[in-house]
Amino acid sequence: MDLTQGSSELKNARAKKMMLWFGMISIAMMFAGLTSAYVVSKSRPDWVSAIDIPVAFVISTIAIVLSSVTFFLAKKAVNDNKRSAATGLLLTTLGLGIVFVIFQFRGFAEIVEAGFYFTGVESTITTSFLYAIVFSHLVHVFGGLLVLIVVIYNHFKEKYKPGQTLGLELGAMFWHFLDFLWVYLILFFYFFR
C-alpha cells in the first residue's frame, strides 16, 4: 500500500498515528533502559531485595486495567452512536485514572512507612530505582490524563461520530499503552526483586 495515496484527511490520520507510535516506542525504550539498569544493579552488594510491592500498587493496577476496559467500551459506544453511554464510560475512565494516581501516592507512602526512602542517608540504590521508575510512569499517566480530558472535552463538543474518531483513537492508543506499561512494570517488580 502506498502511504502517499489517499485524501489529505487519511494522510493526516496516518501521520498522527505514526507520530504517536514513535512517541510510545521512545517511552518504551526509556523504560526498557531503566528496567535493564535495575536488573544489572541487582548484583550490587548494597542491593535491598526485601521490598514488598505495596498493596496500593496492586489496587492502582486494578484501576488502570479497568480504565482501559472502560476506554475501549467508550470508543465502541461512540462508534455505535451511543453518546450518553460513551460520556459515562469516558468519565469513568477519568475517575479510574485519578484513582490510579491516588493509589500510586499511597504506594509511595507504604514504601516510606516500611523504612525505604528515596533520598537521604536512609535511601538505597534499590529504592532510588523503584521511585525513579514508578515516578516516571506517573508523569506519563498525568500526560495521559490530560489527553483524556481533551478527549472528553471534544466528546462534549460532539467532535466524535461514527467513522470520525481519530482523536478518540489516538487517546485510547496512548491510554492502553500506559496501561500495558504499568502492568509490565508491576510484573517486573514482582519477579525481579
Protein backbone atom coordinates (compact mmCIF):
# COMPACT_ATOMS: atom_id res chain seq x y z
CA MET A 1 0.00 0.00 0.00
CA ASP A 2 1.34 3.41 -0.95
CA LEU A 3 1.28 5.63 2.14
CA THR A 4 1.30 8.76 -0.05
CA GLN A 5 -2.08 7.92 -1.58
CA GLY A 6 -5.46 8.86 -0.21
CA SER A 7 -7.20 12.02 0.85
CA SER A 8 -5.43 14.64 2.90
CA GLU A 9 -7.62 13.56 5.85
CA LEU A 10 -6.31 9.98 5.59
CA LYS A 11 -2.72 11.19 5.25
CA ASN A 12 -3.17 13.41 8.30
CA ALA A 13 -4.59 10.49 10.31
CA ARG A 14 -1.71 8.20 9.28
CA ALA A 15 0.84 10.88 10.17
CA LYS A 16 -0.68 11.44 13.62
CA LYS A 17 -0.82 7.71 14.34
CA MET A 18 2.79 7.31 13.20
CA MET A 19 3.93 10.16 15.45
CA LEU A 20 2.10 8.59 18.39
CA TRP A 21 3.78 5.25 17.66
CA PHE A 22 7.19 6.94 17.62
CA GLY A 23 6.42 8.60 20.95
CA MET A 24 5.23 5.37 22.54
CA ILE A 25 8.27 3.47 21.25
CA SER A 26 10.52 6.17 22.72
CA ILE A 27 8.79 5.89 26.09
CA ALA A 28 9.04 2.09 25.95
CA MET A 29 12.78 2.36 25.21
CA MET A 30 13.23 4.66 28.20
CA PHE A 31 11.55 2.15 30.50
CA ALA A 32 13.47 -0.73 28.91
CA GLY A 33 16.66 1.15 29.77
CA LEU A 34 15.53 1.85 33.34
CA THR A 35 14.44 -1.73 33.98
CA SER A 36 17.64 -3.06 32.38
CA ALA A 37 19.70 -0.86 34.68
CA TYR A 38 17.61 -2.17 37.59
CA VAL A 39 18.43 -5.78 36.63
CA VAL A 40 22.14 -5.03 36.22
CA SER A 41 22.25 -3.19 39.55
CA LYS A 42 20.78 -6.18 41.40
CA SER A 43 24.30 -7.65 41.57
CA ARG A 44 25.49 -4.76 43.77
CA PRO A 45 26.36 -5.74 47.34
CA ASP A 46 24.15 -2.94 48.72
CA TRP A 47 21.06 -4.09 46.83
CA VAL A 48 17.95 -4.47 49.04
CA SER A 49 15.59 -7.23 47.93
CA ALA A 50 13.27 -7.13 50.96
CA ILE A 51 10.95 -4.52 49.48
CA ASP A 52 7.44 -5.86 49.02
CA ILE A 53 5.10 -4.45 46.41
CA PRO A 54 2.72 -2.12 48.24
CA VAL A 55 -0.92 -3.16 48.33
CA ALA A 56 -1.77 0.29 46.96
CA PHE A 57 0.17 -0.55 43.77
CA VAL A 58 -1.98 -3.66 43.32
CA ILE A 59 -5.14 -1.58 43.73
CA SER A 60 -3.82 1.01 41.28
CA THR A 61 -3.12 -1.81 38.81
CA ILE A 62 -6.73 -2.96 39.02
CA ALA A 63 -7.88 0.63 38.49
CA ILE A 64 -5.78 1.22 35.39
CA VAL A 65 -6.72 -2.13 33.83
CA LEU A 66 -10.40 -1.34 34.40
CA SER A 67 -9.86 2.12 32.92
CA SER A 68 -8.56 0.55 29.71
CA VAL A 69 -11.71 -1.56 29.54
CA THR A 70 -13.95 1.48 30.05
CA PHE A 71 -11.99 3.48 27.44
CA PHE A 72 -12.38 0.61 24.95
CA LEU A 73 -16.12 0.45 25.67
CA ALA A 74 -16.40 4.25 25.32
CA LYS A 75 -14.82 4.08 21.86
CA LYS A 76 -17.21 1.29 20.93
CA ALA A 77 -20.16 3.34 22.23
CA VAL A 78 -19.12 6.33 20.09
CA ASN A 79 -18.89 4.06 17.03
CA ASP A 80 -22.35 2.67 17.88
CA ASN A 81 -23.63 6.26 18.20
CA LYS A 82 -24.47 5.83 21.90
CA ARG A 83 -23.36 9.24 23.15
CA SER A 84 -24.69 9.06 26.70
CA ALA A 85 -23.07 5.66 27.26
CA ALA A 86 -19.80 6.99 25.82
CA THR A 87 -19.98 10.00 28.15
CA GLY A 88 -20.43 7.81 31.22
CA LEU A 89 -17.65 5.48 30.16
CA LEU A 90 -15.21 8.32 29.42
CA LEU A 91 -15.94 9.93 32.78
CA THR A 92 -15.49 6.53 34.46
CA THR A 93 -12.15 6.17 32.68
CA LEU A 94 -11.09 9.56 34.04
CA GLY A 95 -12.22 8.60 37.53
CA LEU A 96 -10.28 5.33 37.39
CA GLY A 97 -7.23 7.22 36.13
CA ILE A 98 -7.46 9.53 39.14
CA VAL A 99 -7.86 6.51 41.44
CA PHE A 100 -4.68 5.08 39.86
CA VAL A 101 -2.73 8.26 40.68
CA ILE A 102 -4.07 8.43 44.25
CA PHE A 103 -3.07 4.83 44.94
CA GLN A 104 0.36 5.39 43.40
CA PHE A 105 1.00 8.05 46.03
CA ARG A 106 -0.38 5.75 48.72
CA GLY A 107 2.04 3.11 47.45
CA PHE A 108 4.91 5.56 47.87
CA ALA A 109 3.67 6.25 51.42
CA GLU A 110 3.62 2.49 52.15
CA ILE A 111 7.22 2.20 50.96
CA VAL A 112 8.29 5.08 53.21
CA GLU A 113 6.35 3.61 56.16
CA ALA A 114 8.28 0.38 55.63
CA GLY A 115 11.50 2.37 56.11
CA PHE A 116 12.62 2.68 52.48
CA TYR A 117 13.44 6.24 51.42
CA PHE A 118 14.10 7.86 48.07
CA THR A 119 16.74 10.30 49.26
CA GLY A 120 18.88 10.91 52.29
CA VAL A 121 21.15 8.65 54.29
CA GLU A 122 18.40 6.02 54.62
CA SER A 123 17.98 5.69 50.84
CA THR A 124 19.37 2.81 48.81
CA ILE A 125 20.05 2.26 45.14
CA THR A 126 17.07 -0.13 45.14
CA THR A 127 14.59 2.44 46.42
CA SER A 128 16.03 5.11 44.13
CA PHE A 129 15.39 2.87 41.13
CA LEU A 130 11.91 1.98 42.34
CA TYR A 131 10.94 5.60 42.85
CA ALA A 132 12.52 6.75 39.57
CA ILE A 133 10.72 4.11 37.51
CA VAL A 134 7.32 4.46 39.18
CA PHE A 135 7.51 8.26 39.24
CA SER A 136 8.46 8.31 35.53
CA HIS A 137 5.37 6.26 34.76
CA LEU A 138 3.27 8.55 36.92
CA VAL A 139 4.45 11.57 34.90
CA HIS A 140 3.32 9.82 31.73
CA VAL A 141 -0.03 9.00 33.35
CA PHE A 142 -0.51 12.71 34.11
CA GLY A 143 0.05 13.28 30.38
CA GLY A 144 -2.47 10.53 29.69
CA LEU A 145 -4.99 12.20 31.99
CA LEU A 146 -4.54 15.47 30.10
CA VAL A 147 -5.13 13.61 26.83
CA LEU A 148 -8.22 12.01 28.35
CA ILE A 149 -9.56 15.41 29.45
CA VAL A 150 -9.10 16.70 25.88
CA VAL A 151 -10.90 13.62 24.53
CA ILE A 152 -13.78 14.19 26.99
CA TYR A 153 -13.93 17.89 26.05
CA ASN A 154 -14.03 17.01 22.34
CA HIS A 155 -16.69 14.40 23.05
CA PHE A 156 -18.86 17.04 24.75
CA LYS A 157 -18.28 19.31 21.72
CA GLU A 158 -19.61 16.39 19.60
CA LYS A 159 -16.43 16.11 17.53
CA TYR A 160 -16.57 12.31 17.56
CA LYS A 161 -19.09 10.48 15.44
CA PRO A 162 -19.15 7.00 13.96
CA GLY A 163 -16.33 6.99 11.41
CA GLN A 164 -14.84 10.24 12.79
CA THR A 165 -12.96 9.17 15.89
CA LEU A 166 -9.30 9.96 15.20
CA GLY A 167 -8.71 11.92 18.42
CA LEU A 168 -10.54 9.30 20.43
CA GLU A 169 -8.50 6.53 18.78
CA LEU A 170 -5.21 8.31 19.48
CA GLY A 171 -6.18 8.96 23.09
CA ALA A 172 -7.23 5.34 23.54
CA MET A 173 -3.99 4.05 21.97
CA PHE A 174 -1.91 6.11 24.39
CA TRP A 175 -4.05 5.16 27.38
CA HIS A 176 -3.86 1.43 26.56
CA PHE A 177 -0.11 1.80 26.11
CA LEU A 178 0.20 3.35 29.59
CA ASP A 179 -1.90 0.50 30.98
CA PHE A 180 0.29 -2.12 29.31
CA LEU A 181 3.41 -0.31 30.52
CA TRP A 182 2.21 -0.30 34.15
CA VAL A 183 1.26 -3.98 34.03
CA TYR A 184 4.75 -4.69 32.67
CA LEU A 185 6.33 -2.65 35.48
CA ILE A 186 4.30 -4.23 38.30
CA LEU A 187 5.11 -7.72 37.00
CA PHE A 188 8.75 -6.70 36.60
CA PHE A 189 8.96 -5.54 40.22
CA TYR A 190 7.19 -8.68 41.39
CA PHE A 191 9.55 -11.07 39.61
CA PHE A 192 12.83 -9.08 39.82
CA ARG A 193 13.21 -8.14 43.49
